């Protein structure tokens, strides 16, 4: 797991990189992320046996998971 996903700072706040996720998420989530791409990490998820996804509670409402390279610490 990368340092980004395990750092204490990322649990305080995180920003989703919209250009990395736009093609794989629903249009309503894209709209929400364009308005406010910040949130807090609430958990982790195994993606394909070799990667880890990050569950994010978005500040604008809603919750989704992202690959760890799709988010950045605030």
Protein backbone atom coordinates (compact mmCIF):
# COMPACT_ATOMS: atom_id res chain seq x y z
CA UNK A 1 0.00 0.00 0.00
CA UNK A 2 1.30 3.44 -0.83
CA UNK A 3 2.24 6.02 1.77
CA UNK A 4 -0.65 8.25 0.59
CA UNK A 5 -3.35 5.80 1.62
CA UNK A 6 -1.85 5.06 5.01
CA UNK A 7 -0.91 8.55 6.15
CA UNK A 8 -2.80 10.11 9.06
CA UNK A 9 -3.31 13.31 7.05
CA UNK A 10 -5.50 11.59 4.50
CA UNK A 11 -8.07 10.59 7.13
CA UNK A 12 -8.54 14.27 7.98
CA UNK A 13 -9.29 15.27 4.41
CA UNK A 14 -8.80 14.13 0.87
CA UNK A 15 -9.44 15.44 -2.62
CA UNK A 16 -10.60 13.26 -5.51
CA UNK A 17 -8.80 13.85 -8.82
CA UNK A 18 -11.81 14.18 -11.13
CA UNK A 19 -9.86 13.71 -14.37
CA UNK A 20 -8.81 10.22 -13.25
CA UNK A 21 -12.30 8.99 -12.38
CA UNK A 22 -14.65 10.73 -14.80
CA UNK A 23 -14.90 7.80 -17.22
CA UNK A 24 -15.83 5.16 -14.60
CA UNK A 25 -18.33 6.86 -12.30
CA UNK A 26 -21.98 7.94 -12.75
CA UNK A 27 -22.77 11.42 -14.10
CA UNK A 28 -24.37 12.55 -10.82
CA UNK A 29 -21.16 11.73 -8.93
CA UNK A 30 -19.09 13.61 -11.54
CA UNK A 31 -21.33 16.65 -11.02
CA UNK A 32 -20.92 16.39 -7.23
CA UNK A 33 -17.14 16.11 -7.52
CA UNK A 34 -16.96 19.11 -9.86
CA UNK A 35 -18.78 21.12 -7.18
CA UNK A 36 -16.75 19.85 -4.21
CA UNK A 37 -14.10 17.10 -4.64
CA UNK A 38 -13.19 16.91 -0.93
CA UNK A 39 -14.11 14.37 1.70
CA UNK A 40 -12.85 12.04 4.41
CA UNK A 41 -11.57 8.49 4.15
CA UNK A 42 -13.91 6.12 5.97
CA UNK A 43 -12.39 2.78 5.04
CA UNK A 44 -10.48 0.62 2.60
CA UNK A 45 -11.54 -2.01 0.06
CA UNK A 46 -9.64 -4.76 -1.75
CA UNK A 47 -10.04 -4.10 -5.48
CA UNK A 48 -8.61 -7.02 -7.44
CA UNK A 49 -6.48 -8.95 -5.00
CA UNK A 50 -3.44 -6.76 -5.57
CA UNK A 51 -4.76 -3.25 -5.01
CA UNK A 52 -6.57 -1.30 -2.33
CA UNK A 53 -9.48 1.06 -2.86
CA UNK A 54 -10.33 3.91 -0.53
CA UNK A 55 -13.90 4.52 0.70
CA UNK A 56 -14.53 8.29 0.80
CA UNK A 57 -17.40 10.16 2.47
CA UNK A 58 -17.73 13.27 0.30
CA UNK A 59 -18.25 16.67 1.95
CA UNK A 60 -20.99 17.50 -0.56
CA UNK A 61 -22.92 14.35 0.32
CA UNK A 62 -22.65 10.82 -0.91
CA UNK A 63 -20.03 8.16 -0.54
CA UNK A 64 -17.98 6.20 -3.06
CA UNK A 65 -14.73 4.28 -3.34
CA UNK A 66 -11.71 5.29 -5.40
CA UNK A 67 -8.36 3.76 -6.25
CA UNK A 68 -5.65 5.22 -4.03
CA UNK A 69 -3.99 6.98 -7.00
CA UNK A 70 -7.27 8.86 -7.64
CA UNK A 71 -7.13 10.79 -4.36
CA UNK A 72 -4.69 13.16 -2.71
CA UNK A 73 -4.30 14.36 0.87
CA UNK A 74 -5.34 17.95 1.60
